[in-house]
Amino acid sequence: MPRVTNSPASRKRRKKVLKYAKGYFGNKSKLFRYAKEAVQHAWQYAYAARKKKKSDWRGLWITRLNIACRNAGISYSRFIEGLKAANIQLDRRVLSDIAIRDEVAFNGLVQQAQAALKAKVTTAKKA
């Protein structure tokens, strides 16, 4: 009695991997053994890149905010400290958007942050 190979399912599985590997260079797009490894690595890189993308966006928002803060006459770190002291809870994405699209509103936020920093200093001196 011949052994059972489950060839229809095996062929389908291999064809699926080769389909994912379409466009890869050389054997990685032609031979199952190499294609499987290349596809698995590609999926690992894609997973990590989806996580890294969030960090990249946050860095972009911080860079934009830093430029806008410097133009308004305050450093980024002092601006964030002032917002926290003023109890303004806007995330960096929203702040970046405001800085780009509405300079008047952003300058208002800067003034609020500076006022909160002054109030913070005076309460610290009294204590």
C-alpha atoms as a PDB file:
ATOM      1  CA  MET A   1       0.000   0.000   0.000  1.00  0.00           C
ATOM      2  CA  PRO A   2       1.529   3.390  -1.000  1.00  0.00           C
ATOM      3  CA  ARG A   3       2.006   6.052   1.595  1.00  0.00           C
ATOM      4  CA  VAL A   4      -0.421   8.974   1.749  1.00  0.00           C
ATOM      5  CA  THR A   5       1.212  12.293   0.856  1.00  0.00           C
ATOM      6  CA  ASN A   6      -1.765  14.666   1.024  1.00  0.00           C
ATOM      7  CA  SER A   7      -0.439  16.126  -2.209  1.00  0.00           C
ATOM      8  CA  PRO A   8      -3.377  18.450  -3.102  1.00  0.00           C
ATOM      9  CA  ALA A   9      -3.073  20.317   0.206  1.00  0.00           C
ATOM     10  CA  SER A  10       0.735  20.309   0.084  1.00  0.00           C
ATOM     11  CA  ARG A  11       0.746  21.685  -3.454  1.00  0.00           C
ATOM     12  CA  LYS A  12      -1.749  24.376  -2.489  1.00  0.00           C
ATOM     13  CA  ARG A  13       0.350  25.383   0.512  1.00  0.00           C
ATOM     14  CA  ARG A  14       3.535  25.554  -1.568  1.00  0.00           C
ATOM     15  CA  LYS A  15       1.869  27.505  -4.358  1.00  0.00           C
ATOM     16  CA  LYS A  16       0.591  29.995  -1.796  1.00  0.00           C
ATOM     17  CA  VAL A  17       4.100  30.589  -0.438  1.00  0.00           C
ATOM     18  CA  LEU A  18       5.479  30.973  -3.964  1.00  0.00           C
ATOM     19  CA  LYS A  19       2.730  33.471  -4.727  1.00  0.00           C
ATOM     20  CA  TYR A  20       3.801  35.558  -1.704  1.00  0.00           C
ATOM     21  CA  ALA A  21       7.419  35.358  -2.914  1.00  0.00           C
ATOM     22  CA  LYS A  22       6.602  36.636  -6.394  1.00  0.00           C
ATOM     23  CA  GLY A  23       9.069  39.340  -7.366  1.00  0.00           C
ATOM     24  CA  TYR A  24      11.847  38.149  -5.054  1.00  0.00           C
ATOM     25  CA  PHE A  25      15.287  37.775  -6.619  1.00  0.00           C
ATOM     26  CA  GLY A  26      16.565  34.451  -7.972  1.00  0.00           C
ATOM     27  CA  ASN A  27      15.734  31.171  -6.242  1.00  0.00           C
ATOM     28  CA  LYS A  28      13.729  32.957  -3.556  1.00  0.00           C
ATOM     29  CA  SER A  29      10.880  33.365  -6.017  1.00  0.00           C
ATOM     30  CA  LYS A  30      11.209  29.973  -7.719  1.00  0.00           C
ATOM     31  CA  LEU A  31      12.068  27.281  -5.173  1.00  0.00           C
ATOM     32  CA  PHE A  32       9.816  26.505  -2.220  1.00  0.00           C
ATOM     33  CA  ARG A  33      12.575  25.921   0.314  1.00  0.00           C
ATOM     34  CA  TYR A  34      14.136  29.362  -0.234  1.00  0.00           C
ATOM     35  CA  ALA A  35      10.855  31.131  -0.841  1.00  0.00           C
ATOM     36  CA  LYS A  36       9.467  29.937   2.478  1.00  0.00           C
ATOM     37  CA  GLU A  37      12.425  31.362   4.380  1.00  0.00           C
ATOM     38  CA  ALA A  38      12.313  34.656   2.468  1.00  0.00           C
ATOM     39  CA  VAL A  39       8.576  35.076   3.051  1.00  0.00           C
ATOM     40  CA  GLN A  40       8.931  34.367   6.774  1.00  0.00           C
ATOM     41  CA  HIS A  41      11.684  36.970   7.070  1.00  0.00           C
ATOM     42  CA  ALA A  42       9.608  39.447   5.088  1.00  0.00           C
ATOM     43  CA  TRP A  43       6.689  38.964   7.464  1.00  0.00           C
ATOM     44  CA  GLN A  44       8.972  39.513  10.467  1.00  0.00           C
ATOM     45  CA  TYR A  45      10.307  42.734   8.949  1.00  0.00           C
ATOM     46  CA  ALA A  46       6.777  43.894   8.123  1.00  0.00           C
ATOM     47  CA  TYR A  47       5.605  43.250  11.692  1.00  0.00           C
ATOM     48  CA  ALA A  48       8.535  45.197  13.152  1.00  0.00           C
ATOM     49  CA  ALA A  49       8.059  48.034  10.650  1.00  0.00           C
ATOM     50  CA  ARG A  50       4.398  48.424  11.632  1.00  0.00           C
ATOM     51  CA  LYS A  51       5.550  49.008  15.207  1.00  0.00           C
ATOM     52  CA  LYS A  52       8.422  51.283  14.154  1.00  0.00           C
ATOM     53  CA  LYS A  53       6.125  53.416  12.015  1.00  0.00           C
ATOM     54  CA  LYS A  54       4.399  54.720  15.149  1.00  0.00           C
ATOM     55  CA  SER A  55       7.736  55.849  16.566  1.00  0.00           C
ATOM     56  CA  ASP A  56       8.678  57.510  13.258  1.00  0.00           C
ATOM     57  CA  TRP A  57       5.451  59.528  13.195  1.00  0.00           C
ATOM     58  CA  ARG A  58       5.921  60.637  16.796  1.00  0.00           C
ATOM     59  CA  GLY A  59       9.447  61.800  15.930  1.00  0.00           C
ATOM     60  CA  LEU A  60       8.111  63.790  12.992  1.00  0.00           C
ATOM     61  CA  TRP A  61       5.481  65.474  15.178  1.00  0.00           C
ATOM     62  CA  ILE A  62       8.107  66.374  17.768  1.00  0.00           C
ATOM     63  CA  THR A  63      10.395  67.818  15.090  1.00  0.00           C
ATOM     64  CA  ARG A  64       7.573  69.951  13.696  1.00  0.00           C
ATOM     65  CA  LEU A  65       6.654  71.128  17.184  1.00  0.00           C
ATOM     66  CA  ASN A  66      10.257  71.973  17.991  1.00  0.00           C
ATOM     67  CA  ILE A  67      10.515  74.187  14.903  1.00  0.00           C
ATOM     68  CA  ALA A  68       7.210  75.907  15.653  1.00  0.00           C
ATOM     69  CA  CYS A  69       8.193  76.435  19.307  1.00  0.00           C
ATOM     70  CA  ARG A  70      11.561  77.932  18.376  1.00  0.00           C
ATOM     71  CA  ASN A  71       9.799  80.328  16.000  1.00  0.00           C
ATOM     72  CA  ALA A  72       7.482  81.316  18.868  1.00  0.00           C
ATOM     73  CA  GLY A  73      10.444  81.949  21.181  1.00  0.00           C
ATOM     74  CA  ILE A  74      10.304  78.927  23.495  1.00  0.00           C
ATOM     75  CA  SER A  75      12.083  75.583  23.522  1.00  0.00           C
ATOM     76  CA  TYR A  76      10.141  72.394  22.885  1.00  0.00           C
ATOM     77  CA  SER A  77      10.837  70.943  26.327  1.00  0.00           C
ATOM     78  CA  ARG A  78       9.752  74.139  28.125  1.00  0.00           C
ATOM     79  CA  PHE A  79       6.613  74.253  25.943  1.00  0.00           C
ATOM     80  CA  ILE A  80       5.639  70.697  26.906  1.00  0.00           C
ATOM     81  CA  GLU A  81       6.427  71.416  30.566  1.00  0.00           C
ATOM     82  CA  GLY A  82       4.244  74.530  30.409  1.00  0.00           C
ATOM     83  CA  LEU A  83       1.360  72.629  28.819  1.00  0.00           C
ATOM     84  CA  LYS A  84       1.503  70.042  31.583  1.00  0.00           C
ATOM     85  CA  ALA A  85       1.593  72.794  34.217  1.00  0.00           C
ATOM     86  CA  ALA A  86      -1.426  74.446  32.541  1.00  0.00           C
ATOM     87  CA  ASN A  87      -3.180  71.061  32.498  1.00  0.00           C
ATOM     88  CA  ILE A  88      -3.615  71.158  28.703  1.00  0.00           C
ATOM     89  CA  GLN A  89      -3.823  67.554  27.549  1.00  0.00           C
ATOM     90  CA  LEU A  90      -3.245  67.558  23.795  1.00  0.00           C
ATOM     91  CA  ASP A  91      -1.095  64.878  22.223  1.00  0.00           C
ATOM     92  CA  ARG A  92       1.821  65.692  19.971  1.00  0.00           C
ATOM     93  CA  ARG A  93      -0.058  64.792  16.797  1.00  0.00           C
ATOM     94  CA  VAL A  94      -2.769  67.361  17.510  1.00  0.00           C
ATOM     95  CA  LEU A  95      -0.263  69.974  18.645  1.00  0.00           C
ATOM     96  CA  SER A  96       1.760  69.452  15.464  1.00  0.00           C
ATOM     97  CA  ASP A  97      -1.362  69.836  13.354  1.00  0.00           C
ATOM     98  CA  ILE A  98      -2.297  73.055  15.152  1.00  0.00           C
ATOM     99  CA  ALA A  99       1.250  74.400  14.719  1.00  0.00           C
ATOM    100  CA  ILE A 100       1.120  73.775  10.973  1.00  0.00           C
ATOM    101  CA  ARG A 101      -2.438  74.867  10.209  1.00  0.00           C
ATOM    102  CA  ASP A 102      -3.292  77.566  12.775  1.00  0.00           C
ATOM    103  CA  GLU A 103      -0.395  79.739  13.881  1.00  0.00           C
ATOM    104  CA  VAL A 104      -2.609  82.074  15.940  1.00  0.00           C
ATOM    105  CA  ALA A 105      -4.032  79.213  18.006  1.00  0.00           C
ATOM    106  CA  PHE A 106      -0.545  77.760  18.482  1.00  0.00           C
ATOM    107  CA  ASN A 107       0.777  81.100  19.710  1.00  0.00           C
ATOM    108  CA  GLY A 108      -2.117  81.150  22.193  1.00  0.00           C
ATOM    109  CA  LEU A 109      -1.024  77.743  23.468  1.00  0.00           C
ATOM    110  CA  VAL A 110       2.554  79.020  23.773  1.00  0.00           C
ATOM    111  CA  GLN A 111       1.360  81.999  25.820  1.00  0.00           C
ATOM    112  CA  GLN A 112      -0.669  79.720  28.103  1.00  0.00           C
ATOM    113  CA  ALA A 113       2.359  77.467  28.563  1.00  0.00           C
ATOM    114  CA  GLN A 114       4.603  80.433  29.388  1.00  0.00           C
ATOM    115  CA  ALA A 115       2.060  81.793  31.881  1.00  0.00           C
ATOM    116  CA  ALA A 116       1.820  78.392  33.577  1.00  0.00           C
ATOM    117  CA  LEU A 117       5.617  78.204  33.786  1.00  0.00           C
ATOM    118  CA  LYS A 118       5.756  81.649  35.454  1.00  0.00           C
ATOM    119  CA  ALA A 119       3.058  80.614  37.917  1.00  0.00           C
ATOM    120  CA  LYS A 120       4.991  77.426  38.625  1.00  0.00           C
ATOM    121  CA  VAL A 121       8.159  79.401  39.383  1.00  0.00           C
ATOM    122  CA  THR A 122       6.382  81.855  41.708  1.00  0.00           C
ATOM    123  CA  THR A 123       4.724  79.052  43.707  1.00  0.00           C
ATOM    124  CA  ALA A 124       8.086  77.322  44.010  1.00  0.00           C
ATOM    125  CA  LYS A 125       9.719  80.517  45.347  1.00  0.00           C
ATOM    126  CA  LYS A 126       6.972  80.970  47.964  1.00  0.00           C
ATOM    127  CA  ALA A 127       7.471  77.466  49.295  1.00  0.00           C
END
